[in-house]
C-alpha atoms as a PDB file:
ATOM      1  CA  MET A   1      29.750 124.063  -5.994  1.00  0.00           C
ATOM      2  CA  PRO A   2      33.189 125.748  -6.204  1.00  0.00           C
ATOM      3  CA  ARG A   3      35.029 125.563  -9.512  1.00  0.00           C
ATOM      4  CA  THR A   4      38.272 123.550  -9.352  1.00  0.00           C
ATOM      5  CA  GLN A   5      41.442 124.005 -11.410  1.00  0.00           C
ATOM      6  CA  ASN A   6      44.274 121.464 -11.549  1.00  0.00           C
ATOM      7  CA  PHE A   7      47.873 122.309 -12.507  1.00  0.00           C
ATOM      8  CA  VAL A   8      50.688 119.817 -13.065  1.00  0.00           C
ATOM      9  CA  VAL A   9      54.150 120.804 -11.809  1.00  0.00           C
ATOM     10  CA  GLY A  10      56.612 120.672 -14.706  1.00  0.00           C
ATOM     11  CA  PRO A  11      60.375 120.078 -14.423  1.00  0.00           C
ATOM     12  CA  GLU A  12      61.051 123.821 -14.668  1.00  0.00           C
ATOM     13  CA  HIS A  13      58.818 124.495 -11.644  1.00  0.00           C
ATOM     14  CA  LYS A  14      59.991 121.845  -9.188  1.00  0.00           C
ATOM     15  CA  ASN A  15      61.214 123.118  -5.798  1.00  0.00           C
ATOM     16  CA  LEU A  16      58.903 126.135  -5.931  1.00  0.00           C
ATOM     17  CA  SER A  17      56.493 126.572  -3.044  1.00  0.00           C
ATOM     18  CA  PRO A  18      52.772 126.343  -3.907  1.00  0.00           C
ATOM     19  CA  TYR A  19      52.523 130.123  -3.449  1.00  0.00           C
ATOM     20  CA  GLN A  20      55.409 130.735  -5.858  1.00  0.00           C
ATOM     21  CA  PHE A  21      54.017 128.220  -8.338  1.00  0.00           C
ATOM     22  CA  LEU A  22      50.529 129.768  -8.415  1.00  0.00           C
ATOM     23  CA  SER A  23      51.671 133.377  -8.420  1.00  0.00           C
ATOM     24  CA  ARG A  24      54.558 133.149 -10.898  1.00  0.00           C
ATOM     25  CA  ALA A  25      54.445 129.969 -12.963  1.00  0.00           C
ATOM     26  CA  VAL A  26      50.682 129.733 -13.403  1.00  0.00           C
ATOM     27  CA  ARG A  27      49.665 133.339 -12.601  1.00  0.00           C
ATOM     28  CA  ILE A  28      46.105 132.559 -11.580  1.00  0.00           C
ATOM     29  CA  GLY A  29      45.631 135.800  -9.682  1.00  0.00           C
ATOM     30  CA  GLN A  30      47.128 138.563  -7.593  1.00  0.00           C
ATOM     31  CA  PRO A  31      49.432 137.645  -4.669  1.00  0.00           C
ATOM     32  CA  GLY A  32      46.869 138.625  -2.032  1.00  0.00           C
ATOM     33  CA  LEU A  33      44.250 136.448  -3.705  1.00  0.00           C
ATOM     34  CA  ILE A  34      46.560 133.428  -3.697  1.00  0.00           C
ATOM     35  CA  ARG A  35      47.491 133.920  -0.044  1.00  0.00           C
ATOM     36  CA  GLU A  36      43.794 134.004   0.853  1.00  0.00           C
ATOM     37  CA  LEU A  37      43.150 130.775  -1.064  1.00  0.00           C
ATOM     38  CA  ILE A  38      45.990 129.115   0.840  1.00  0.00           C
ATOM     39  CA  ARG A  39      44.841 130.517   4.190  1.00  0.00           C
ATOM     40  CA  ARG A  40      41.312 129.165   3.703  1.00  0.00           C
ATOM     41  CA  GLY A  41      42.574 125.717   2.684  1.00  0.00           C
ATOM     42  CA  HIS A  42      41.447 125.879  -0.951  1.00  0.00           C
ATOM     43  CA  VAL A  43      44.835 124.710  -2.289  1.00  0.00           C
ATOM     44  CA  LEU A  44      45.610 120.988  -2.241  1.00  0.00           C
ATOM     45  CA  ILE A  45      48.744 119.100  -3.310  1.00  0.00           C
ATOM     46  CA  ASP A  46      48.079 115.693  -4.874  1.00  0.00           C
ATOM     47  CA  GLY A  47      44.578 115.733  -3.380  1.00  0.00           C
ATOM     48  CA  SER A  48      45.518 116.436   0.225  1.00  0.00           C
ATOM     49  CA  ALA A  49      46.353 119.379   2.462  1.00  0.00           C
ATOM     50  CA  GLN A  50      50.108 119.711   2.888  1.00  0.00           C
ATOM     51  CA  PRO A  51      52.385 122.328   4.475  1.00  0.00           C
ATOM     52  CA  MET A  52      52.533 125.214   2.044  1.00  0.00           C
ATOM     53  CA  GLN A  53      56.188 125.953   2.729  1.00  0.00           C
ATOM     54  CA  LEU A  54      57.335 122.584   1.336  1.00  0.00           C
ATOM     55  CA  PRO A  55      58.833 122.622  -2.189  1.00  0.00           C
ATOM     56  CA  LEU A  56      56.789 121.026  -4.939  1.00  0.00           C
ATOM     57  CA  LYS A  57      57.904 117.875  -6.744  1.00  0.00           C
ATOM     58  CA  ARG A  58      57.883 117.302 -10.478  1.00  0.00           C
ATOM     59  CA  GLY A  59      54.599 115.731 -11.567  1.00  0.00           C
ATOM     60  CA  SER A  60      52.634 116.828  -8.498  1.00  0.00           C
ATOM     61  CA  VAL A  61      49.114 118.160  -9.085  1.00  0.00           C
ATOM     62  CA  VAL A  62      48.191 121.471  -7.459  1.00  0.00           C
ATOM     63  CA  SER A  63      44.397 121.809  -7.113  1.00  0.00           C
ATOM     64  CA  VAL A  64      42.679 125.149  -6.530  1.00  0.00           C
ATOM     65  CA  SER A  65      38.983 125.335  -5.626  1.00  0.00           C
ATOM     66  CA  TRP A  66      37.392 128.752  -6.103  1.00  0.00           C
ATOM     67  CA  PRO A  67      34.741 129.937  -3.629  1.00  0.00           C
ATOM     68  CA  PRO A  68      32.388 132.494  -5.248  1.00  0.00           C
ATOM     69  CA  ASP A  69      33.816 135.576  -3.513  1.00  0.00           C
ATOM     70  CA  LEU A  70      37.421 134.832  -4.503  1.00  0.00           C
ATOM     71  CA  GLU A  71      36.470 133.759  -8.028  1.00  0.00           C
ATOM     72  CA  GLN A  72      35.220 137.290  -8.684  1.00  0.00           C
ATOM     73  CA  GLY A  73      38.688 138.581  -7.844  1.00  0.00           C
ATOM     74  CA  GLN A  74      40.241 136.047 -10.219  1.00  0.00           C
ATOM     75  CA  ARG A  75      37.924 137.177 -13.026  1.00  0.00           C
ATOM     76  CA  ARG A  76      39.031 140.770 -12.516  1.00  0.00           C
ATOM     77  CA  PHE A  77      42.649 139.622 -12.701  1.00  0.00           C
ATOM     78  CA  ALA A  78      41.967 137.737 -15.959  1.00  0.00           C
ATOM     79  CA  LYS A  79      40.834 140.852 -17.837  1.00  0.00           C
ATOM     80  CA  LYS A  80      42.774 141.717 -20.951  1.00  0.00           C
ATOM     81  CA  PRO A  81      45.851 143.862 -20.260  1.00  0.00           C
ATOM     82  CA  ARG A  82      45.978 147.315 -21.768  1.00  0.00           C
ATOM     83  CA  ILE A  83      48.432 147.975 -24.580  1.00  0.00           C
ATOM     84  CA  THR A  84      49.737 151.457 -25.332  1.00  0.00           C
ATOM     85  CA  VAL A  85      50.414 152.332 -28.974  1.00  0.00           C
ATOM     86  CA  LEU A  86      53.652 154.331 -29.164  1.00  0.00           C
ATOM     87  CA  PHE A  87      53.685 154.912 -32.940  1.00  0.00           C
ATOM     88  CA  GLN A  88      51.551 153.994 -35.915  1.00  0.00           C
ATOM     89  CA  ASN A  89      51.067 154.852 -39.562  1.00  0.00           C
ATOM     90  CA  ASP A  90      49.656 152.913 -42.520  1.00  0.00           C
ATOM     91  CA  HIS A  91      52.636 150.541 -42.498  1.00  0.00           C
ATOM     92  CA  VAL A  92      53.988 150.038 -38.984  1.00  0.00           C
ATOM     93  CA  ILE A  93      52.735 149.862 -35.395  1.00  0.00           C
ATOM     94  CA  ALA A  94      55.029 150.141 -32.372  1.00  0.00           C
ATOM     95  CA  ILE A  95      53.436 149.191 -29.063  1.00  0.00           C
ATOM     96  CA  ASP A  96      54.493 149.088 -25.427  1.00  0.00           C
ATOM     97  CA  LYS A  97      54.219 145.380 -24.577  1.00  0.00           C
ATOM     98  CA  PRO A  98      53.555 144.586 -20.912  1.00  0.00           C
ATOM     99  CA  ALA A  99      55.517 141.837 -19.203  1.00  0.00           C
ATOM    100  CA  GLY A 100      53.703 138.505 -19.043  1.00  0.00           C
ATOM    101  CA  LEU A 101      51.904 138.845 -22.390  1.00  0.00           C
ATOM    102  CA  PRO A 102      53.288 136.506 -25.090  1.00  0.00           C
ATOM    103  CA  VAL A 103      53.852 137.747 -28.632  1.00  0.00           C
ATOM    104  CA  VAL A 104      52.877 134.306 -29.950  1.00  0.00           C
ATOM    105  CA  PRO A 105      51.400 131.372 -27.960  1.00  0.00           C
ATOM    106  CA  GLU A 106      54.123 129.613 -25.973  1.00  0.00           C
ATOM    107  CA  ARG A 107      51.865 126.999 -24.397  1.00  0.00           C
ATOM    108  CA  ARG A 108      48.543 125.470 -25.332  1.00  0.00           C
ATOM    109  CA  ARG A 109      46.791 126.923 -22.300  1.00  0.00           C
ATOM    110  CA  GLU A 110      47.649 130.519 -23.261  1.00  0.00           C
ATOM    111  CA  ARG A 111      44.612 132.199 -24.758  1.00  0.00           C
ATOM    112  CA  GLN A 112      45.886 135.757 -25.089  1.00  0.00           C
ATOM    113  CA  THR A 113      48.689 137.108 -27.242  1.00  0.00           C
ATOM    114  CA  VAL A 114      49.620 140.605 -28.329  1.00  0.00           C
ATOM    115  CA  LEU A 115      47.414 140.383 -31.431  1.00  0.00           C
ATOM    116  CA  ASP A 116      44.474 139.101 -29.380  1.00  0.00           C
ATOM    117  CA  VAL A 117      44.664 142.085 -27.051  1.00  0.00           C
ATOM    118  CA  LEU A 118      45.050 144.763 -29.716  1.00  0.00           C
ATOM    119  CA  GLU A 119      41.724 146.258 -30.744  1.00  0.00           C
ATOM    120  CA  PRO A 120      40.394 144.569 -33.916  1.00  0.00           C
ATOM    121  CA  ALA A 121      40.047 147.943 -35.631  1.00  0.00           C
ATOM    122  CA  LEU A 122      43.713 148.674 -34.937  1.00  0.00           C
ATOM    123  CA  GLN A 123      44.786 145.382 -36.495  1.00  0.00           C
ATOM    124  CA  LYS A 124      43.368 146.331 -39.890  1.00  0.00           C
ATOM    125  CA  SER A 125      45.310 148.501 -42.341  1.00  0.00           C
ATOM    126  CA  LYS A 126      43.721 150.497 -45.181  1.00  0.00           C
ATOM    127  CA  SER A 127      44.524 147.652 -47.561  1.00  0.00           C
ATOM    128  CA  GLY A 128      42.624 145.228 -45.327  1.00  0.00           C
ATOM    129  CA  GLN A 129      45.717 143.219 -44.388  1.00  0.00           C
ATOM    130  CA  VAL A 130      45.966 141.898 -40.837  1.00  0.00           C
ATOM    131  CA  THR A 131      48.749 143.104 -38.562  1.00  0.00           C
ATOM    132  CA  ARG A 132      51.770 140.774 -38.664  1.00  0.00           C
ATOM    133  CA  VAL A 133      54.443 140.014 -36.085  1.00  0.00           C
ATOM    134  CA  VAL A 134      57.961 140.847 -37.283  1.00  0.00           C
ATOM    135  CA  HIS A 135      59.723 141.341 -33.962  1.00  0.00           C
ATOM    136  CA  ARG A 136      59.784 139.068 -30.914  1.00  0.00           C
ATOM    137  CA  LEU A 137      60.150 139.797 -27.226  1.00  0.00           C
ATOM    138  CA  ASP A 138      60.183 137.036 -24.626  1.00  0.00           C
ATOM    139  CA  LYS A 139      56.901 136.679 -22.763  1.00  0.00           C
ATOM    140  CA  HIS A 140      58.250 138.228 -19.568  1.00  0.00           C
ATOM    141  CA  THR A 141      60.208 140.995 -21.325  1.00  0.00           C
ATOM    142  CA  SER A 142      58.470 144.366 -21.550  1.00  0.00           C
ATOM    143  CA  GLY A 143      58.930 147.303 -23.901  1.00  0.00           C
ATOM    144  CA  VAL A 144      58.820 148.376 -27.538  1.00  0.00           C
ATOM    145  CA  LEU A 145      57.475 145.788 -29.986  1.00  0.00           C
ATOM    146  CA  LEU A 146      57.183 146.294 -33.759  1.00  0.00           C
ATOM    147  CA  LEU A 147      54.303 145.013 -35.890  1.00  0.00           C
ATOM    148  CA  ALA A 148      53.748 145.296 -39.638  1.00  0.00           C
ATOM    149  CA  ARG A 149      50.373 146.336 -41.076  1.00  0.00           C
ATOM    150  CA  ASP A 150      50.698 144.631 -44.469  1.00  0.00           C
ATOM    151  CA  ARG A 151      52.900 142.207 -46.405  1.00  0.00           C
ATOM    152  CA  ASP A 152      55.105 144.919 -47.919  1.00  0.00           C
ATOM    153  CA  ALA A 153      55.759 146.430 -44.489  1.00  0.00           C
ATOM    154  CA  LYS A 154      56.595 142.994 -43.106  1.00  0.00           C
ATOM    155  CA  ARG A 155      59.158 142.410 -45.866  1.00  0.00           C
ATOM    156  CA  MET A 156      60.619 145.879 -45.291  1.00  0.00           C
ATOM    157  CA  LEU A 157      60.985 145.417 -41.520  1.00  0.00           C
ATOM    158  CA  CYS A 158      62.280 141.852 -41.782  1.00  0.00           C
ATOM    159  CA  SER A 159      64.903 143.076 -44.249  1.00  0.00           C
ATOM    160  CA  ALA A 160      65.877 145.885 -41.882  1.00  0.00           C
ATOM    161  CA  PHE A 161      66.293 143.436 -38.995  1.00  0.00           C
ATOM    162  CA  ASN A 162      68.352 141.075 -41.170  1.00  0.00           C
ATOM    163  CA  ASP A 163      70.531 143.955 -42.402  1.00  0.00           C
ATOM    164  CA  ARG A 164      70.961 145.153 -38.787  1.00  0.00           C
ATOM    165  CA  THR A 165      69.745 148.662 -39.602  1.00  0.00           C
ATOM    166  CA  ILE A 166      67.227 148.693 -36.757  1.00  0.00           C
ATOM    167  CA  HIS A 167      68.795 150.171 -33.638  1.00  0.00           C
ATOM    168  CA  LYS A 168      67.797 148.367 -30.413  1.00  0.00           C
ATOM    169  CA  GLU A 169      68.296 149.439 -26.816  1.00  0.00           C
ATOM    170  CA  TYR A 170      67.408 147.429 -23.721  1.00  0.00           C
ATOM    171  CA  LEU A 171      67.609 148.165 -20.018  1.00  0.00           C
ATOM    172  CA  THR A 172      68.318 145.265 -17.698  1.00  0.00           C
ATOM    173  CA  LEU A 173      69.114 144.733 -14.044  1.00  0.00           C
ATOM    174  CA  VAL A 174      71.854 142.181 -13.452  1.00  0.00           C
ATOM    175  CA  ARG A 175      73.459 140.626 -10.424  1.00  0.00           C
ATOM    176  CA  GLY A 176      77.054 141.737  -9.911  1.00  0.00           C
ATOM    177  CA  THR A 177      78.994 144.806 -11.036  1.00  0.00           C
ATOM    178  CA  PRO A 178      81.322 144.903 -14.073  1.00  0.00           C
ATOM    179  CA  SER A 179      84.769 146.382 -13.500  1.00  0.00           C
ATOM    180  CA  THR A 180      84.606 148.457 -16.705  1.00  0.00           C
ATOM    181  CA  GLU A 181      82.051 151.053 -17.794  1.00  0.00           C
ATOM    182  CA  SER A 182      81.231 149.354 -21.089  1.00  0.00           C
ATOM    183  CA  GLY A 183      81.986 146.257 -23.087  1.00  0.00           C
ATOM    184  CA  GLU A 184      81.285 144.046 -26.075  1.00  0.00           C
ATOM    185  CA  ILE A 185      80.395 140.348 -26.246  1.00  0.00           C
ATOM    186  CA  ASP A 186      81.076 138.700 -29.601  1.00  0.00           C
ATOM    187  CA  LEU A 187      80.242 135.013 -29.093  1.00  0.00           C
ATOM    188  CA  ALA A 188      78.182 132.672 -31.281  1.00  0.00           C
ATOM    189  CA  ILE A 189      74.938 131.259 -29.847  1.00  0.00           C
ATOM    190  CA  GLY A 190      73.252 127.930 -30.559  1.00  0.00           C
ATOM    191  CA  LYS A 191      70.626 125.588 -29.093  1.00  0.00           C
ATOM    192  CA  ASP A 192      71.337 123.675 -25.905  1.00  0.00           C
ATOM    193  CA  ARG A 193      71.062 119.990 -26.812  1.00  0.00           C
ATOM    194  CA  ARG A 194      70.394 119.067 -23.192  1.00  0.00           C
ATOM    195  CA  HIS A 195      67.589 121.588 -22.616  1.00  0.00           C
ATOM    196  CA  ALA A 196      64.983 122.335 -25.293  1.00  0.00           C
ATOM    197  CA  LEU A 197      64.221 125.855 -24.062  1.00  0.00           C
ATOM    198  CA  ARG A 198      67.780 127.080 -23.508  1.00  0.00           C
ATOM    199  CA  MET A 199      70.427 128.595 -25.752  1.00  0.00           C
ATOM    200  CA  VAL A 200      74.174 128.349 -25.114  1.00  0.00           C
ATOM    201  CA  ILE A 201      77.477 129.776 -26.293  1.00  0.00           C
ATOM    202  CA  ALA A 202      78.367 127.609 -29.296  1.00  0.00           C
ATOM    203  CA  GLU A 203      81.535 128.832 -30.994  1.00  0.00           C
ATOM    204  CA  ARG A 204      81.700 126.067 -33.618  1.00  0.00           C
ATOM    205  CA  LYS A 205      78.095 125.435 -34.674  1.00  0.00           C
ATOM    206  CA  GLY A 206      76.306 128.517 -33.367  1.00  0.00           C
ATOM    207  CA  LYS A 207      75.204 131.665 -35.169  1.00  0.00           C
ATOM    208  CA  ASP A 208      77.224 134.856 -34.802  1.00  0.00           C
ATOM    209  CA  ALA A 209      75.955 137.120 -32.017  1.00  0.00           C
ATOM    210  CA  LEU A 210      77.194 140.561 -30.979  1.00  0.00           C
ATOM    211  CA  THR A 211      76.060 142.477 -27.901  1.00  0.00           C
ATOM    212  CA  ARG A 212      77.369 145.841 -26.687  1.00  0.00           C
ATOM    213  CA  TRP A 213      76.620 147.240 -23.243  1.00  0.00           C
ATOM    214  CA  ARG A 214      77.350 150.134 -20.924  1.00  0.00           C
ATOM    215  CA  ILE A 215      76.645 150.811 -17.267  1.00  0.00           C
ATOM    216  CA  GLU A 216      73.721 153.129 -16.517  1.00  0.00           C
ATOM    217  CA  GLU A 217      73.798 152.890 -12.730  1.00  0.00           C
ATOM    218  CA  ARG A 218      75.862 150.996 -10.173  1.00  0.00           C
ATOM    219  CA  PHE A 219      74.684 149.511  -6.884  1.00  0.00           C
ATOM    220  CA  ARG A 220      76.325 147.257  -4.322  1.00  0.00           C
ATOM    221  CA  GLY A 221      75.928 143.806  -5.826  1.00  0.00           C
ATOM    222  CA  TYR A 222      73.674 144.884  -8.715  1.00  0.00           C
ATOM    223  CA  THR A 223      73.931 146.950 -11.897  1.00  0.00           C
ATOM    224  CA  LEU A 224      71.548 148.622 -14.316  1.00  0.00           C
ATOM    225  CA  LEU A 225      72.877 148.102 -17.855  1.00  0.00           C
ATOM    226  CA  ARG A 226      71.886 149.633 -21.169  1.00  0.00           C
ATOM    227  CA  VAL A 227      72.383 146.917 -23.754  1.00  0.00           C
ATOM    228  CA  PHE A 228      72.667 147.220 -27.537  1.00  0.00           C
ATOM    229  CA  PRO A 229      72.162 143.855 -29.309  1.00  0.00           C
ATOM    230  CA  VAL A 230      73.556 144.210 -32.832  1.00  0.00           C
ATOM    231  CA  THR A 231      72.314 140.772 -33.888  1.00  0.00           C
ATOM    232  CA  GLY A 232      68.980 139.262 -32.865  1.00  0.00           C
ATOM    233  CA  ARG A 233      69.554 135.712 -31.677  1.00  0.00           C
ATOM    234  CA  THR A 234      67.105 133.955 -29.359  1.00  0.00           C
ATOM    235  CA  HIS A 235      67.791 134.906 -25.714  1.00  0.00           C
ATOM    236  CA  GLN A 236      70.928 136.740 -26.889  1.00  0.00           C
ATOM    237  CA  ILE A 237      71.169 139.303 -24.078  1.00  0.00           C
ATOM    238  CA  ARG A 238      70.375 136.730 -21.418  1.00  0.00           C
ATOM    239  CA  VAL A 239      72.911 134.171 -22.699  1.00  0.00           C
ATOM    240  CA  HIS A 240      75.714 136.694 -23.244  1.00  0.00           C
ATOM    241  CA  LEU A 241      75.361 138.428 -19.872  1.00  0.00           C
ATOM    242  CA  GLU A 242      75.103 135.130 -17.996  1.00  0.00           C
ATOM    243  CA  HIS A 243      78.253 133.905 -19.776  1.00  0.00           C
ATOM    244  CA  ILE A 244      80.343 136.861 -18.581  1.00  0.00           C
ATOM    245  CA  GLY A 245      79.098 136.461 -15.013  1.00  0.00           C
ATOM    246  CA  PHE A 246      76.291 139.036 -14.806  1.00  0.00           C
ATOM    247  CA  PRO A 247      72.974 137.150 -15.100  1.00  0.00           C
ATOM    248  CA  VAL A 248      69.734 139.051 -15.618  1.00  0.00           C
ATOM    249  CA  LEU A 249      67.701 139.154 -12.403  1.00  0.00           C
ATOM    250  CA  CYS A 250      64.845 136.639 -12.080  1.00  0.00           C
ATOM    251  CA  ASP A 251      65.983 134.664 -15.137  1.00  0.00           C
ATOM    252  CA  GLU A 252      65.375 131.143 -13.868  1.00  0.00           C
ATOM    253  CA  LEU A 253      66.108 129.593 -17.264  1.00  0.00           C
ATOM    254  CA  TYR A 254      69.737 130.740 -17.046  1.00  0.00           C
ATOM    255  CA  GLY A 255      70.435 129.993 -13.422  1.00  0.00           C
ATOM    256  CA  ALA A 256      69.149 133.047 -11.584  1.00  0.00           C
ATOM    257  CA  ARG A 257      66.676 132.839  -8.706  1.00  0.00           C
ATOM    258  CA  PRO A 258      63.117 133.207 -10.034  1.00  0.00           C
ATOM    259  CA  GLU A 259      62.208 136.046  -7.686  1.00  0.00           C
ATOM    260  CA  LEU A 260      63.909 139.048  -6.108  1.00  0.00           C
ATOM    261  CA  MET A 261      62.951 139.633  -2.484  1.00  0.00           C
ATOM    262  CA  LEU A 262      63.241 142.881  -0.581  1.00  0.00           C
ATOM    263  CA  SER A 263      65.093 140.920   2.133  1.00  0.00           C
ATOM    264  CA  GLU A 264      67.940 140.400  -0.387  1.00  0.00           C
ATOM    265  CA  ILE A 265      68.360 144.153  -0.720  1.00  0.00           C
ATOM    266  CA  LYS A 266      67.309 145.694   2.605  1.00  0.00           C
ATOM    267  CA  PRO A 267      69.489 144.768   5.603  1.00  0.00           C
ATOM    268  CA  GLY A 268      67.529 143.372   8.528  1.00  0.00           C
ATOM    269  CA  PHE A 269      64.243 143.145   6.624  1.00  0.00           C
ATOM    270  CA  ARG A 270      61.591 140.864   8.134  1.00  0.00           C
ATOM    271  CA  SER A 271      58.336 140.084   6.337  1.00  0.00           C
ATOM    272  CA  LYS A 272      55.105 140.828   8.220  1.00  0.00           C
ATOM    273  CA  ASP A 273      53.425 137.980   6.354  1.00  0.00           C
ATOM    274  CA  ALA A 274      54.018 134.733   8.206  1.00  0.00           C
ATOM    275  CA  GLU A 275      53.197 132.620   5.155  1.00  0.00           C
ATOM    276  CA  ALA A 276      55.415 134.157   2.496  1.00  0.00           C
ATOM    277  CA  GLU A 277      57.358 137.284   1.742  1.00  0.00           C
ATOM    278  CA  ARG A 278      55.894 138.954  -1.323  1.00  0.00           C
ATOM    279  CA  PRO A 279      58.445 139.159  -4.180  1.00  0.00           C
ATOM    280  CA  LEU A 280      59.754 142.576  -5.050  1.00  0.00           C
ATOM    281  CA  LEU A 281      60.139 141.335  -8.637  1.00  0.00           C
ATOM    282  CA  ALA A 282      58.876 138.052 -10.100  1.00  0.00           C
ATOM    283  CA  ARG A 283      59.633 138.404 -13.800  1.00  0.00           C
ATOM    284  CA  LEU A 284      62.606 138.785 -16.085  1.00  0.00           C
ATOM    285  CA  ALA A 285      64.330 142.131 -15.389  1.00  0.00           C
ATOM    286  CA  LEU A 286      64.639 142.980 -19.080  1.00  0.00           C
ATOM    287  CA  HIS A 287      62.976 145.888 -20.904  1.00  0.00           C
ATOM    288  CA  CYS A 288      63.178 147.001 -24.551  1.00  0.00           C
ATOM    289  CA  ALA A 289      63.640 150.717 -23.928  1.00  0.00           C
ATOM    290  CA  ALA A 290      63.964 152.024 -27.515  1.00  0.00           C
ATOM    291  CA  LEU A 291      63.885 151.068 -31.175  1.00  0.00           C
ATOM    292  CA  GLU A 292      64.874 153.157 -34.186  1.00  0.00           C
ATOM    293  CA  PHE A 293      63.431 151.848 -37.459  1.00  0.00           C
ATOM    294  CA  PRO A 294      62.206 152.752 -40.979  1.00  0.00           C
ATOM    295  CA  THR A 295      58.558 153.816 -41.065  1.00  0.00           C
ATOM    296  CA  GLY A 296      57.778 152.702 -44.614  1.00  0.00           C
ATOM    297  CA  ASP A 297      57.264 156.301 -45.761  1.00  0.00           C
ATOM    298  CA  GLY A 298      60.177 156.726 -48.149  1.00  0.00           C
ATOM    299  CA  ASP A 299      63.493 157.012 -46.322  1.00  0.00           C
ATOM    300  CA  GLN A 300      61.969 158.235 -43.071  1.00  0.00           C
ATOM    301  CA  ARG A 301      63.050 156.681 -39.786  1.00  0.00           C
ATOM    302  CA  THR A 302      61.757 157.213 -36.280  1.00  0.00           C
ATOM    303  CA  ARG A 303      62.881 156.465 -32.731  1.00  0.00           C
ATOM    304  CA  VAL A 304      60.316 155.112 -30.277  1.00  0.00           C
ATOM    305  CA  GLU A 305      60.964 154.862 -26.537  1.00  0.00           C
ATOM    306  CA  SER A 306      59.181 152.986 -23.759  1.00  0.00           C
ATOM    307  CA  PRO A 307      59.383 154.242 -20.167  1.00  0.00           C
ATOM    308  CA  LEU A 308      60.660 151.814 -17.562  1.00  0.00           C
ATOM    309  CA  PRO A 309      57.684 149.847 -16.115  1.00  0.00           C
ATOM    310  CA  LYS A 310      56.539 150.426 -12.564  1.00  0.00           C
ATOM    311  CA  ASP A 311      57.804 147.065 -11.264  1.00  0.00           C
ATOM    312  CA  LEU A 312      61.374 147.763 -12.400  1.00  0.00           C
ATOM    313  CA  GLU A 313      61.174 151.343 -11.095  1.00  0.00           C
ATOM    314  CA  VAL A 314      60.202 149.963  -7.676  1.00  0.00           C
ATOM    315  CA  VAL A 315      63.294 147.722  -7.659  1.00  0.00           C
ATOM    316  CA  LEU A 316      65.525 150.653  -8.649  1.00  0.00           C
ATOM    317  CA  LYS A 317      64.025 152.781  -5.869  1.00  0.00           C
ATOM    318  CA  GLN A 318      64.865 150.110  -3.299  1.00  0.00           C
ATOM    319  CA  LEU A 319      68.371 149.622  -4.705  1.00  0.00           C
ATOM    320  CA  ARG A 320      69.056 153.375  -4.543  1.00  0.00           C
ATOM    321  CA  LYS A 321      67.799 153.428  -0.966  1.00  0.00           C
ATOM    322  CA  HIS A 322      69.543 150.345   0.407  1.00  0.00           C
ATOM    323  CA  ARG A 323      72.319 149.471  -2.061  1.00  0.00           C
ATOM    324  CA  ALA A 324      73.823 152.813  -3.010  1.00  0.00           C
ATOM    325  CA  PRO A 325      77.485 152.434  -4.112  1.00  0.00           C
END
């Protein structure tokens, strides 16, 4: 008997199609796997077969029944992601975090975090202390992530972050093109009282936040920015760039469309798939490209860089081809 999974549509996922919901919000498998489930009629909405192009409603239940052949594909998809170690010594580990992997659990259903995926032997320092999180990246942000290997290293790195002596560089794709080559955003950030997950510009009651940026590459309608957050407020880059009119691509939380389609970039593009055009990008277009930090060995510092992930490189390739300035 096929295994069945049920997913409730939350307020942040309403108006998505079932395909978008399963591929991006729930991430149960690869896009081709989800299309095959839909084609065979293994996806039901509120217990009945409904047109798959209709937007979902808040509170609806999406049911997926897994035939044996497709369940094998889902198991392959569910394997632990690989994490590349960029730097390590007895005090500090810097890894290349893939997009989609949370640093800490964000929801009860999430079973894997960065520490779960790291090899157990790597998590142990010579003193026997377990690796500790000192640096956060949003779940769908990729790039350099710092971890401490003992309590002393955690205190040292936390102090460096608080003193703003850790140099941070991000690359992000935004919609729109600034009129100047560089800029600075010095606006306080606080919690959005109307939305538990969002942050907002809050000049009176917010915490100071400073972001510097410069243009790396221009396109028609889009820009690749290198961003230097001096402070480290929650969602700082996303909030600041959205406030000045250049939202990060695929940042649904701050008003952007959740997916970037090739048809938005390539003139005259028509999808060969009658059911749904496959997204060119379906995650936050934000990448921690470099960190410079103390290593815990005296006064030594090091700079660690993370190459741009393949999914963002693919978007840049299409922008250079079809949206050259």
